[in-house]
Protein backbone atom coordinates (compact mmCIF):
# COMPACT_ATOMS: atom_id res chain seq x y z
CA MET A 1 0.00 -0.08 -0.05
CA SER A 2 2.93 2.45 0.72
CA ASP A 3 4.14 2.07 -2.82
CA VAL A 4 0.85 3.14 -4.20
CA ILE A 5 0.49 6.13 -1.78
CA GLY A 6 4.01 7.26 -2.52
CA LEU A 7 3.64 7.80 -6.19
CA ASN A 8 3.40 11.48 -5.85
CA PRO A 9 6.70 13.31 -6.07
CA LYS A 10 7.75 14.76 -2.74
CA PRO A 11 9.24 18.09 -2.00
CA SER A 12 12.80 18.49 -1.33
CA GLN A 13 14.16 18.81 2.14
CA THR A 14 14.77 22.41 1.59
CA VAL A 15 11.09 23.10 0.86
CA THR A 16 10.09 20.89 3.85
CA ARG A 17 12.30 22.74 6.24
CA SER A 18 11.02 26.17 4.67
CA LEU A 19 7.40 24.75 5.79
CA TRP A 20 8.65 23.98 9.49
CA ILE A 21 10.32 27.51 9.64
CA LEU A 22 7.05 29.29 8.18
CA LEU A 23 5.08 27.22 11.09
CA CYS A 24 7.44 28.54 13.78
CA GLY A 25 6.89 32.02 12.29
CA ALA A 26 3.13 31.60 12.40
CA ILE A 27 3.26 30.40 16.21
CA CYS A 28 5.02 33.61 16.93
CA LEU A 29 2.52 35.86 15.28
CA GLN A 30 -0.71 33.81 16.19
CA ILE A 31 -0.01 33.01 19.61
CA LEU A 32 3.18 34.64 21.27
CA VAL A 33 2.62 38.14 20.23
CA GLN A 34 -0.65 38.02 22.16
CA LEU A 35 0.63 35.93 25.06
CA VAL A 36 3.70 38.15 25.96
CA HIS A 37 1.37 41.07 26.55
CA VAL A 38 0.13 41.50 30.27
CA SER A 39 -3.45 41.46 29.14
CA MET A 40 -5.31 38.10 29.16
CA PHE A 41 -8.87 37.60 28.51
CA PHE A 42 -10.84 37.68 31.92
CA ASP A 43 -11.84 34.02 31.72
CA GLY A 44 -8.11 33.18 31.74
CA GLY A 45 -7.23 35.71 34.32
CA ILE A 46 -10.04 34.36 36.58
CA TYR A 47 -8.79 30.81 36.29
CA ALA A 48 -5.14 32.05 37.21
CA THR A 49 -6.40 33.91 39.99
CA LEU A 50 -8.22 30.75 41.38
CA ALA A 51 -5.03 28.89 41.03
CA ARG A 52 -2.82 31.54 42.82
CA ASN A 53 -5.29 31.70 45.58
CA LEU A 54 -5.35 27.99 45.98
CA ALA A 55 -1.43 27.91 45.89
CA GLU A 56 -1.44 30.34 48.72
CA GLY A 57 -3.98 28.66 50.88
CA ARG A 58 -7.22 30.43 49.89
CA GLY A 59 -9.97 28.21 48.86
CA THR A 60 -9.45 24.42 48.68
CA ILE A 61 -9.18 21.92 45.84
CA TRP A 62 -12.92 21.40 45.70
CA ALA A 63 -13.88 24.96 46.63
CA PRO A 64 -11.76 27.25 44.79
CA HIS A 65 -11.98 30.98 45.89
CA PHE A 66 -11.77 33.96 43.52
CA SER A 67 -12.71 36.99 45.90
CA GLU A 68 -14.52 37.90 48.81
CA SER A 69 -17.42 39.41 46.94
CA LEU A 70 -17.29 37.43 43.58
CA PHE A 71 -17.33 33.67 43.41
CA PRO A 72 -16.04 33.20 46.88
CA THR A 73 -16.68 29.65 46.18
CA PHE A 74 -16.10 29.16 42.42
CA ALA A 75 -18.45 26.44 40.92
CA GLU A 76 -18.60 27.59 37.17
CA HIS A 77 -16.22 24.58 36.19
CA PRO A 78 -14.61 21.72 37.38
CA PRO A 79 -11.28 22.31 39.13
CA LEU A 80 -8.61 20.20 37.37
CA MET A 81 -7.00 23.25 35.53
CA PHE A 82 -6.84 25.21 38.70
CA TRP A 83 -5.19 22.49 40.50
CA LEU A 84 -2.55 22.09 37.71
CA GLN A 85 -1.82 25.78 37.61
CA ALA A 86 -1.73 26.05 41.17
CA ILE A 87 1.41 23.59 41.07
CA GLY A 88 3.15 26.28 38.81
CA PHE A 89 2.29 28.91 41.26
CA ALA A 90 3.63 26.88 44.30
CA LEU A 91 6.93 26.40 42.54
CA PHE A 92 7.45 29.76 40.78
CA GLY A 93 5.43 32.28 42.85
CA ASP A 94 3.05 34.87 41.92
CA SER A 95 4.07 35.87 38.64
CA ILE A 96 1.95 36.21 35.23
CA ALA A 97 4.55 34.35 33.75
CA VAL A 98 2.98 31.01 35.49
CA GLU A 99 -0.40 31.36 33.70
CA LYS A 100 1.22 32.49 30.35
CA GLY A 101 3.80 29.61 30.43
CA PHE A 102 0.99 27.11 31.28
CA SER A 103 -1.29 28.46 28.33
CA PHE A 104 1.61 28.07 26.04
CA LEU A 105 2.67 24.56 27.35
CA THR A 106 -1.02 23.45 26.66
CA PHE A 107 -0.37 24.57 22.93
CA VAL A 108 3.06 22.66 22.87
CA VAL A 109 1.37 19.62 24.02
CA CYS A 110 -1.56 19.73 21.91
CA ALA A 111 0.65 20.25 18.71
CA VAL A 112 2.80 17.03 19.78
CA LEU A 113 -0.29 15.06 20.20
CA LEU A 114 -1.75 16.40 16.87
CA PHE A 115 1.51 15.44 15.16
CA GLN A 116 1.31 11.94 16.44
CA ILE A 117 -2.16 11.49 15.36
CA TRP A 118 -1.24 12.84 12.04
CA MET A 119 1.92 10.51 11.52
CA ARG A 120 0.09 7.46 12.70
CA LEU A 121 -2.96 8.01 10.47
CA ASN A 122 -0.94 8.88 7.54
CA LYS A 123 2.08 6.36 8.22
CA ASP A 124 1.97 4.87 4.79
CA ASP A 125 1.50 8.35 3.00
CA LEU A 126 5.01 9.96 3.12
CA LEU A 127 3.77 12.95 1.07
CA VAL A 128 0.98 13.70 3.47
CA GLN A 129 3.34 12.98 6.52
CA GLN A 130 5.44 15.99 5.30
CA ALA A 131 2.47 18.33 5.20
CA PHE A 132 1.95 18.51 9.06
CA PRO A 133 3.05 22.21 9.37
CA ILE A 134 0.21 23.04 6.91
CA ALA A 135 -2.31 21.06 9.19
CA LEU A 136 -1.05 22.97 12.25
CA ILE A 137 -0.99 26.50 10.52
CA MET A 138 -4.70 25.71 9.29
CA ALA A 139 -5.74 24.95 12.91
CA LEU A 140 -4.10 28.21 14.18
CA ILE A 141 -6.06 30.47 11.77
CA ALA A 142 -9.30 28.43 12.54
CA GLY A 143 -12.07 30.21 14.53
CA ARG A 144 -10.30 31.57 17.65
CA VAL A 145 -7.80 28.87 18.24
CA ASN A 146 -4.74 31.16 18.30
CA TRP A 147 -6.63 33.42 20.67
CA GLY A 148 -7.53 30.56 23.11
CA PHE A 149 -3.93 29.66 23.54
CA ALA A 150 -2.88 33.12 24.00
CA ASN A 151 -5.65 33.60 26.75
CA GLY A 152 -5.34 30.64 28.84
CA LEU A 153 -8.72 29.20 28.36
CA LEU A 154 -10.07 25.75 29.59
CA ASP A 155 -10.49 24.77 26.16
CA ASN A 156 -6.58 24.59 25.75
CA LEU A 157 -6.38 21.69 28.40
CA LEU A 158 -9.60 20.08 27.25
CA ALA A 159 -7.99 19.71 24.05
CA VAL A 160 -4.97 18.28 25.67
CA PHE A 161 -6.93 15.46 27.13
CA SER A 162 -9.34 14.91 24.15
CA LEU A 163 -6.38 14.50 21.76
CA THR A 164 -4.68 12.29 24.15
CA ALA A 165 -7.99 10.06 24.09
CA VAL A 166 -8.10 9.88 20.32
CA LEU A 167 -4.40 9.20 20.02
CA LEU A 168 -4.82 6.22 22.21
CA LEU A 169 -7.81 5.05 20.06
CA VAL A 170 -5.87 5.46 16.95
CA ILE A 171 -2.91 3.43 18.39
CA ALA A 172 -5.26 0.79 19.61
CA TYR A 173 -6.78 0.47 16.10
CA GLU A 174 -3.67 0.68 13.98
CA ARG A 175 -3.78 -2.78 12.90
CA PRO A 176 -6.29 -5.66 13.21
CA THR A 177 -6.39 -7.36 16.66
CA PRO A 178 -8.90 -9.95 18.28
CA VAL A 179 -11.54 -8.43 20.33
CA PHE A 180 -10.25 -9.36 23.64
CA THR A 181 -6.35 -8.38 23.82
CA ALA A 182 -4.55 -6.81 26.89
CA ARG A 183 -2.71 -4.24 24.76
CA ARG A 184 -5.80 -2.90 23.34
CA LEU A 185 -7.82 -2.98 26.72
CA VAL A 186 -4.82 -1.03 28.14
CA LEU A 187 -5.20 1.55 25.57
CA VAL A 188 -8.85 1.84 25.44
CA SER A 189 -8.98 2.09 29.35
CA ALA A 190 -6.31 4.80 29.22
CA ALA A 191 -8.48 6.61 26.60
CA GLY A 192 -11.32 6.36 29.05
CA LEU A 193 -9.09 7.89 31.73
CA ALA A 194 -8.31 10.73 29.40
CA ILE A 195 -11.82 11.36 28.92
CA CYS A 196 -12.37 11.70 32.74
CA LEU A 197 -9.77 14.17 32.92
CA SER A 198 -11.55 16.16 30.19
CA LEU A 199 -14.59 15.98 32.40
CA MET A 200 -12.72 17.18 35.22
CA THR A 201 -11.51 20.19 33.04
CA LYS A 202 -14.75 21.47 31.24
CA GLY A 203 -17.43 19.11 32.08
CA PRO A 204 -19.68 17.04 29.66
CA VAL A 205 -18.19 18.82 26.63
CA GLY A 206 -15.10 16.56 27.14
CA LEU A 207 -16.94 13.34 26.57
CA PHE A 208 -17.00 13.69 22.65
CA PRO A 209 -13.89 11.04 22.12
CA LEU A 210 -16.37 8.40 23.30
CA ALA A 211 -17.65 8.36 19.85
CA THR A 212 -14.27 7.70 18.24
CA PRO A 213 -14.62 3.90 18.32
CA ALA A 214 -18.03 4.02 16.42
CA ILE A 215 -16.41 6.67 13.97
CA CYS A 216 -13.24 4.51 13.41
CA TRP A 217 -15.65 1.47 12.72
CA LEU A 218 -17.80 3.46 10.45
CA VAL A 219 -15.21 5.19 8.38
CA LEU A 220 -12.15 2.93 8.40
CA ARG A 221 -14.16 -0.44 9.04
CA ARG A 222 -11.67 -0.90 12.07
CA PRO A 223 -12.10 -2.27 14.70
CA THR A 224 -14.54 -4.99 14.14
CA PHE A 225 -18.08 -4.10 15.37
CA LEU A 226 -17.89 -6.47 18.07
CA ALA A 227 -14.87 -4.72 19.33
CA MET A 228 -16.14 -1.31 18.71
CA ILE A 229 -19.04 -2.32 21.20
CA PHE A 230 -16.75 -3.70 23.67
CA ASP A 231 -14.39 -0.82 23.70
CA THR A 232 -17.15 1.56 24.01
CA LEU A 233 -18.54 -0.21 26.93
CA VAL A 234 -15.11 -0.16 28.55
CA ILE A 235 -14.92 3.44 28.29
CA LEU A 236 -18.23 3.91 29.64
CA LEU A 237 -17.30 1.63 32.57
CA VAL A 238 -14.29 3.71 33.31
CA ILE A 239 -16.27 6.86 33.20
CA ALA A 240 -18.72 5.29 35.46
CA LEU A 241 -16.23 4.27 37.91
CA PHE A 242 -14.75 7.67 38.03
CA VAL A 243 -17.89 9.27 38.67
CA ALA A 244 -18.67 6.70 41.37
CA PHE A 245 -15.24 7.53 42.96
CA LEU A 246 -16.16 11.21 42.91
CA TYR A 247 -19.40 10.62 44.57
CA SER A 248 -17.88 8.52 47.21
CA PHE A 249 -16.57 11.56 49.13
CA ASP A 250 -18.47 14.35 50.69
CA VAL A 251 -16.32 17.14 49.53
CA SER A 252 -16.04 15.98 45.92
CA ARG A 253 -19.72 15.13 45.69
CA GLU A 254 -20.73 18.71 46.88
CA ALA A 255 -18.36 20.20 44.17
CA VAL A 256 -19.73 18.25 41.42
CA ASP A 257 -23.48 18.97 42.70
CA ARG A 258 -22.60 22.74 42.94
CA TYR A 259 -21.32 22.69 39.46
CA VAL A 260 -24.25 20.96 38.02
CA THR A 261 -26.49 23.62 39.52
CA ALA A 262 -24.49 26.80 39.05
CA GLN A 263 -23.44 26.08 35.39
CA LEU A 264 -24.70 23.11 33.60
CA VAL A 265 -28.66 23.26 34.36
CA SER A 266 -28.50 27.14 34.12
CA SER A 267 -26.56 26.98 30.88
CA LEU A 268 -28.84 24.37 29.33
CA SER A 269 -31.97 26.23 30.57
CA GLY A 270 -31.11 29.30 29.02
CA ALA A 271 -30.77 31.28 32.34
CA ARG A 272 -27.47 32.38 31.25
CA GLY A 273 -28.52 34.11 28.16
CA HIS A 274 -29.23 33.23 24.62
CA TYR A 275 -26.81 33.69 21.78
CA GLY A 276 -25.87 31.62 18.87
CA GLY A 277 -27.01 28.33 20.31
CA GLY A 278 -29.39 25.64 18.77
CA LEU A 279 -29.56 25.55 14.94
CA TYR A 280 -27.30 28.82 14.97
CA VAL A 281 -24.43 26.52 15.71
CA PHE A 282 -24.30 25.36 12.05
CA ARG A 283 -23.84 28.85 10.92
CA LYS A 284 -21.13 29.27 13.48
CA LEU A 285 -19.65 26.03 12.36
CA LEU A 286 -19.28 27.49 8.93
CA GLY A 287 -17.85 30.59 10.24
CA VAL A 288 -15.10 29.13 12.34
CA ASN A 289 -14.22 26.86 9.50
CA GLY A 290 -14.38 29.54 6.85
CA TYR A 291 -10.53 29.86 6.30
CA SER A 292 -10.23 25.99 6.04
CA LEU A 293 -12.96 25.79 3.56
CA ALA A 294 -11.48 28.48 1.53
CA ILE A 295 -8.38 26.65 1.34
CA VAL A 296 -10.06 23.51 0.40
CA ALA A 297 -11.93 24.98 -2.47
CA LEU A 298 -8.68 26.87 -3.78
CA ALA A 299 -6.75 23.59 -3.42
CA ALA A 300 -9.44 21.73 -5.35
CA LEU A 301 -9.40 24.46 -8.13
CA ALA A 302 -5.73 24.40 -8.27
CA GLY A 303 -5.80 20.61 -8.50
CA TRP A 304 -8.40 20.73 -11.38
CA ARG A 305 -6.81 23.43 -13.37
CA LEU A 306 -3.09 22.76 -12.81
CA GLY A 307 -3.22 19.13 -12.48
CA LEU A 308 -1.80 18.94 -8.92
CA GLY A 309 -2.13 16.25 -6.40
CA LYS A 310 -3.10 13.39 -8.94
CA SER A 311 -2.99 9.99 -7.30
CA SER A 312 -4.69 6.57 -7.72
CA ALA A 313 -8.35 5.92 -6.95
CA GLU A 314 -7.18 3.70 -3.93
CA THR A 315 -5.02 6.61 -2.54
CA ARG A 316 -7.70 9.07 -2.83
CA GLN A 317 -9.96 6.84 -1.18
CA LEU A 318 -7.60 6.23 1.66
CA ARG A 319 -7.14 10.02 2.06
CA LEU A 320 -10.89 10.85 1.91
CA ARG A 321 -11.40 8.14 4.60
CA ARG A 322 -8.65 9.64 7.06
CA ALA A 323 -9.99 13.00 6.47
CA ALA A 324 -13.48 12.13 7.07
CA LEU A 325 -12.42 10.33 10.40
CA LEU A 326 -11.13 13.56 11.76
CA ILE A 327 -13.97 15.82 10.42
CA MET A 328 -16.43 13.36 12.06
CA ILE A 329 -14.54 13.31 15.44
CA GLY A 330 -14.80 17.30 15.11
CA LEU A 331 -18.39 17.07 14.63
CA SER A 332 -18.89 14.66 17.58
CA ALA A 333 -17.11 17.61 19.60
CA SER A 334 -19.12 20.52 18.21
CA LEU A 335 -22.64 19.36 17.38
CA PRO A 336 -23.50 18.84 21.09
CA ILE A 337 -22.56 22.25 21.95
CA GLY A 338 -25.95 23.17 20.08
CA LEU A 339 -27.92 21.65 23.14
CA SER A 340 -27.01 24.92 24.86
CA PRO A 341 -28.91 28.18 23.87
CA ARG A 342 -25.47 30.07 24.84
CA VAL A 343 -22.62 29.34 22.62
CA ALA A 344 -19.56 31.40 21.75
CA ASN A 345 -17.12 30.91 18.93
CA PHE A 346 -14.29 29.70 21.25
CA TYR A 347 -16.37 26.87 22.37
CA PHE A 348 -15.51 25.17 19.02
CA ASN A 349 -11.53 25.37 19.66
CA THR A 350 -11.15 21.86 20.62
CA SER A 351 -13.12 20.55 17.69
CA LEU A 352 -11.28 22.92 15.37
CA LEU A 353 -7.95 20.92 15.84
CA PHE A 354 -9.73 17.98 14.27
CA TYR A 355 -11.48 19.73 11.55
CA SER A 356 -8.58 21.36 10.41
CA THR A 357 -6.30 18.45 10.53
CA GLY A 358 -9.05 16.67 8.40
CA PHE A 359 -9.22 19.45 5.83
CA ALA A 360 -5.52 19.47 5.62
CA ILE A 361 -5.33 15.91 4.75
CA LEU A 362 -7.61 17.03 1.53
CA VAL A 363 -5.32 19.89 0.65
CA ALA A 364 -1.95 18.28 1.39
CA PRO A 365 -1.41 16.35 -1.88
CA VAL A 366 -2.25 19.40 -3.87
CA ILE A 367 0.13 21.85 -1.96
CA MET A 368 2.92 19.38 -1.61
CA ASP A 369 2.71 18.42 -5.30
CA GLY A 370 3.02 22.19 -6.24
CA LEU A 371 5.96 22.48 -3.96
CA SER A 372 7.63 19.62 -5.16
CA ARG A 373 7.78 21.27 -8.60
CA LEU A 374 10.04 24.12 -7.47
CA LYS A 375 13.40 24.11 -9.03
CA ASP A 376 16.43 24.50 -6.58
CA PRO A 377 16.60 28.29 -7.04
CA GLN A 378 12.94 28.71 -6.30
CA ALA A 379 13.20 26.48 -3.15
CA LYS A 380 16.18 28.45 -2.06
CA VAL A 381 14.26 31.68 -2.49
CA LEU A 382 11.48 30.08 -0.26
CA ARG A 383 13.67 28.97 2.46
CA LEU A 384 15.18 32.60 2.38
CA GLY A 385 11.65 34.11 2.54
CA SER A 386 10.62 31.66 5.41
CA VAL A 387 13.69 32.69 7.42
CA ILE A 388 13.31 36.46 6.99
CA PHE A 389 9.46 35.67 7.86
CA LEU A 390 10.66 34.01 11.12
CA ILE A 391 13.07 36.77 11.93
CA LEU A 392 10.50 39.34 11.72
CA SER A 393 7.95 37.36 13.56
CA ILE A 394 10.49 36.94 16.45
CA ALA A 395 11.16 40.77 16.39
CA THR A 396 7.56 41.41 16.60
CA VAL A 397 7.20 39.04 19.65
CA LEU A 398 10.25 40.77 21.37
CA ALA A 399 8.86 44.31 20.52
CA SER A 400 5.44 43.22 22.13
CA PHE A 401 6.99 41.83 25.42
CA GLY A 402 5.37 43.39 28.61
CA ARG A 403 3.26 45.63 26.88
CA PRO A 404 -0.10 46.28 28.29
CA GLY A 405 -2.02 44.83 25.24
CA THR A 406 -5.71 45.05 24.63
CA ASP A 407 -6.78 45.66 28.15
CA ALA A 408 -4.60 48.62 28.89
CA GLN A 409 -7.18 50.84 30.07
CA THR A 410 -8.60 48.31 32.54
CA ILE A 411 -4.96 47.61 33.73
CA GLY A 412 -4.48 51.26 34.13
CA GLN A 413 -7.83 51.78 36.17
CA ALA A 414 -6.97 48.78 38.34
CA THR A 415 -3.26 50.06 38.95
CA ALA A 416 -4.72 53.60 39.81
CA ILE A 417 -7.12 52.27 42.18
CA GLU A 418 -4.70 50.16 44.05
CA ASP A 419 -2.25 53.03 44.24
CA PHE A 420 -4.90 55.21 46.02
CA VAL A 421 -6.63 52.83 47.91
CA CYS A 422 -3.61 50.91 49.29
CA ALA A 423 -1.48 53.86 49.84
CA GLN A 424 1.05 53.50 52.58
CA LYS A 425 -0.62 50.23 53.52
CA VAL A 426 1.08 46.85 53.81
CA ASP A 427 -0.95 43.83 52.70
CA CYS A 428 -3.73 45.66 51.53
CA THR A 429 -6.73 43.56 50.61
CA PRO A 430 -9.70 45.70 50.80
CA ILE A 431 -13.36 45.68 49.42
CA VAL A 432 -14.26 48.37 47.19
CA SER A 433 -17.71 48.98 46.20
CA ALA A 434 -18.94 49.56 42.83
CA CYS A 435 -22.20 50.56 40.99
CA GLU A 436 -23.95 48.37 38.42
CA ASN A 437 -21.94 49.04 35.38
CA ALA A 438 -18.60 48.90 37.18
CA TRP A 439 -19.71 45.68 38.94
CA GLN A 440 -20.45 44.00 35.73
CA ASP A 441 -16.90 44.90 34.28
CA TRP A 442 -15.49 41.55 34.63
CA ALA A 443 -11.99 42.61 33.36
CA LEU A 444 -11.83 45.07 36.20
CA HIS A 445 -12.81 42.41 38.67
CA THR A 446 -10.07 40.11 37.35
CA TYR A 447 -7.07 42.58 37.29
CA MET A 448 -8.17 43.97 40.71
CA GLN A 449 -8.03 40.60 42.26
CA ARG A 450 -5.16 38.95 40.12
CA PHE A 451 -2.85 41.75 40.52
CA TYR A 452 -3.78 43.38 43.92
CA LYS A 453 -6.21 41.07 45.72
CA ILE A 454 -8.78 43.68 45.68
CA SER A 455 -12.47 42.61 45.74
CA ILE A 456 -15.14 44.59 44.07
CA ALA A 457 -18.75 44.37 45.77
CA LYS A 458 -22.02 45.67 44.59
CA VAL A 459 -22.76 48.87 46.36
CA THR A 460 -26.33 47.61 47.19
CA GLU A 461 -24.61 44.67 49.20
CA ALA A 462 -21.37 46.34 50.68
CA GLU A 463 -20.80 49.87 51.52
CA GLY A 464 -16.93 50.20 51.52
CA ASP A 465 -14.72 53.23 52.26
CA PHE A 466 -14.15 53.56 48.37
CA LEU A 467 -16.74 53.55 45.57
CA ILE A 468 -16.19 52.94 41.83
CA ALA A 469 -19.14 55.20 40.45
CA ASP A 470 -20.80 55.30 37.06
CA ASP A 471 -23.88 56.49 35.66
CA SER A 472 -25.78 53.59 36.84
CA CYS A 473 -25.88 54.79 40.28
CA ASN A 474 -26.48 58.37 41.10
CA ASN A 475 -26.81 58.30 44.94
CA HIS A 476 -23.20 59.13 46.17
CA GLN A 477 -24.36 60.72 49.26
CA GLY A 478 -21.44 60.52 51.95
CA TYR A 479 -18.68 60.02 49.16
CA VAL A 480 -16.30 62.85 47.64
CA ASP A 481 -14.57 62.43 44.43
CA THR A 482 -10.91 61.45 44.71
CA GLY A 483 -9.78 62.95 41.45
CA VAL A 484 -8.21 59.63 40.51
CA ASP A 485 -8.46 59.29 36.56
CA ILE A 486 -10.27 55.73 36.12
CA THR A 487 -12.47 57.04 32.96
CA PRO A 488 -15.02 56.12 32.36
CA TYR A 489 -15.52 55.58 36.14
CA ARG A 490 -14.89 57.71 39.08
CA LEU A 491 -13.33 56.92 42.17
CA LEU A 492 -15.05 58.24 45.38
CA LYS A 493 -13.99 58.16 48.97
CA ARG A 494 -16.37 57.98 52.20
CA GLN A 495 -16.31 61.33 53.96
């Protein structure tokens, strides 16, 4: 079979190395430029704060603590990511380098896992194997994948465990084996454990690799139908035992119950708002896969007009099946999201790693065939261009290092408030009151707590010595303006 699949000419080592250099430059521009800024999307900042507090003894592993006034017991998500980040804070202290490094580490691990899946699925297709940089670049430009890895989202760690589960199942099904074999049982059980870790990261959305045995049987006809049923039951048993283990302890059972009530039930019922759920998921799927679909269309046009990527019918069939496998795994990850009426684009980040890799298998033969036709002088120009691109990308990252970033205004507000509220005070951790609009400024909550351990409370619930005022509350009786510039808010002080 490898002789058939190897019919296409392969690009030179110069061209292949150029692709890897271009990939490194893309990683710099797509992830590192944002990551080295001080700013971080407030979700990632909240998770980092929970982990920092846990490392410092505030909150417990089953009852993480954000602030005195917001999420005193955090029940919005399972706690695994906070536990892992807390190890970083325990080792390296309270530094934003911990959450930034952790976020980038999840990308590196995902890239390695995706590489292993790619190489094993295409082990007899050397031309496609060489195209892995194309697959990862397509993943980086899909939806909000790059933004997610730059902002410490839970989806990053979810992707690590989901890719691990799928990789273990791909290894288990690499060659036909009897239904009951120790090696496959170990691999399938390990995949079940990886799914359990996904559950502990972001709840039921991490269950989708459970569909992988059925998808493999449907698309590749491997494993056998009986083995597919057996493996699915094994994974379900592992998950059931894991859940039973959690419910056997009071603290973990209470944590699970809080999560189900606070997050799962309210999200599915629509209590947290309606935007983009239900049938709108299909429109969102087209949107987040827009670049990949455009690349597939252009590759198909180039293949038709220029005769690129031609191969035998058997080779095309194998490539189509492998692409379909990954795309269907992506569907299994993204379609259940439509059950919730509340859907954001970054919810699809984990599934996009599978979609993009599947689409990359379709375009790889055309792109690699085109690159293989480059003459030596042209290949050297490509390498030179890729090196210049990488150098400029690295320079851009270095120039961005330590800059405030997109949340510069909010970071400035938090710093100005802390400078005044905590002037000449040691270990200052006060509660500052806020009017309604300021209270709903989640980024301000995050930076105040993450950098200065200052809590913001609703003015109707706690009247502190200081008030962050805005147009949503006009009764400032008993307070005077401090003159501190935190536009569009005002910082008032009790008389």
